[in-house]
Amino acid sequence: MRDQKVTRFSVGMPRLDLIEENTKMVRNFKPLRSEEMMQMSEALSGKNKMALDHYFHHHYDQFAGS
């Protein structure tokens, strides 16, 4: 394993089977194609805007000393 580059490290995994499952997912990872990224971005942008609008609807900025 010394010749492989470590790109992620997870601290606090409670069980070996979880580490093995995560390792399997990382090894099988395939990046999304540009078209898939665009579709996901478009699908999420409206939901993100709605969530952000909801968050800021009753939001009040409070600064130190105010």
Protein backbone atom coordinates (compact mmCIF):
# COMPACT_ATOMS: atom_id res chain seq x y z
CA MET A 1 0.00 0.00 0.00
CA ARG A 2 3.00 2.32 0.25
CA ASP A 3 2.93 3.03 -3.49
CA GLN A 4 -0.66 4.31 -3.38
CA LYS A 5 -1.40 7.96 -2.71
CA VAL A 6 -3.69 8.63 0.26
CA THR A 7 -6.29 11.25 -0.71
CA ARG A 8 -8.75 10.88 2.19
CA PHE A 9 -8.53 9.74 5.76
CA SER A 10 -11.46 9.12 8.07
CA VAL A 11 -10.96 9.36 11.81
CA GLY A 12 -13.34 7.66 14.18
CA MET A 13 -14.77 4.88 12.03
CA PRO A 14 -16.14 2.54 14.69
CA ARG A 15 -16.06 -0.71 12.70
CA LEU A 16 -13.81 -2.36 10.15
CA ASP A 17 -16.77 -3.21 7.88
CA LEU A 18 -17.60 0.50 7.56
CA ILE A 19 -14.02 1.29 6.58
CA GLU A 20 -14.10 -1.53 4.01
CA GLU A 21 -17.42 -0.30 2.60
CA ASN A 22 -16.12 3.27 2.30
CA THR A 23 -12.92 2.03 0.68
CA LYS A 24 -14.94 0.04 -1.86
CA MET A 25 -17.03 3.12 -2.72
CA VAL A 26 -13.93 5.26 -3.21
CA ARG A 27 -12.26 2.66 -5.42
CA ASN A 28 -15.40 2.38 -7.58
CA PHE A 29 -15.94 6.15 -7.79
CA LYS A 30 -16.49 7.53 -11.27
CA PRO A 31 -16.87 11.29 -11.76
CA LEU A 32 -20.08 12.60 -13.26
CA ARG A 33 -20.07 13.61 -16.91
CA SER A 34 -20.49 17.32 -17.67
CA GLU A 35 -24.11 16.74 -18.72
CA GLU A 36 -24.88 14.94 -15.46
CA MET A 37 -23.29 17.74 -13.42
CA MET A 38 -25.37 20.33 -15.27
CA GLN A 39 -28.59 18.36 -14.72
CA MET A 40 -27.83 18.00 -11.02
CA SER A 41 -26.94 21.67 -10.71
CA GLU A 42 -30.19 22.74 -12.36
CA ALA A 43 -32.26 20.34 -10.25
CA LEU A 44 -30.68 21.50 -7.00
CA SER A 45 -30.45 25.22 -7.69
CA GLY A 46 -34.18 25.82 -7.19
CA LYS A 47 -34.26 23.73 -4.04
CA ASN A 48 -31.19 25.49 -2.68
CA LYS A 49 -32.69 28.89 -3.42
CA MET A 50 -35.91 27.93 -1.63
CA ALA A 51 -33.96 26.66 1.40
CA LEU A 52 -31.83 29.81 1.48
CA ASP A 53 -34.91 32.05 1.19
CA HIS A 54 -36.53 30.11 4.04
CA TYR A 55 -33.39 30.47 6.19
CA PHE A 56 -33.12 34.22 5.65
CA HIS A 57 -36.85 34.88 6.03
CA HIS A 58 -36.48 35.21 9.82
CA HIS A 59 -32.71 35.64 9.99
CA TYR A 60 -31.25 38.45 12.04
CA ASP A 61 -27.55 39.33 11.88
CA GLN A 62 -26.13 39.92 15.30
CA PHE A 63 -22.67 41.39 15.62
CA ALA A 64 -20.45 41.47 18.67
CA GLY A 65 -21.12 44.59 20.68
CA SER A 66 -24.58 45.21 19.23
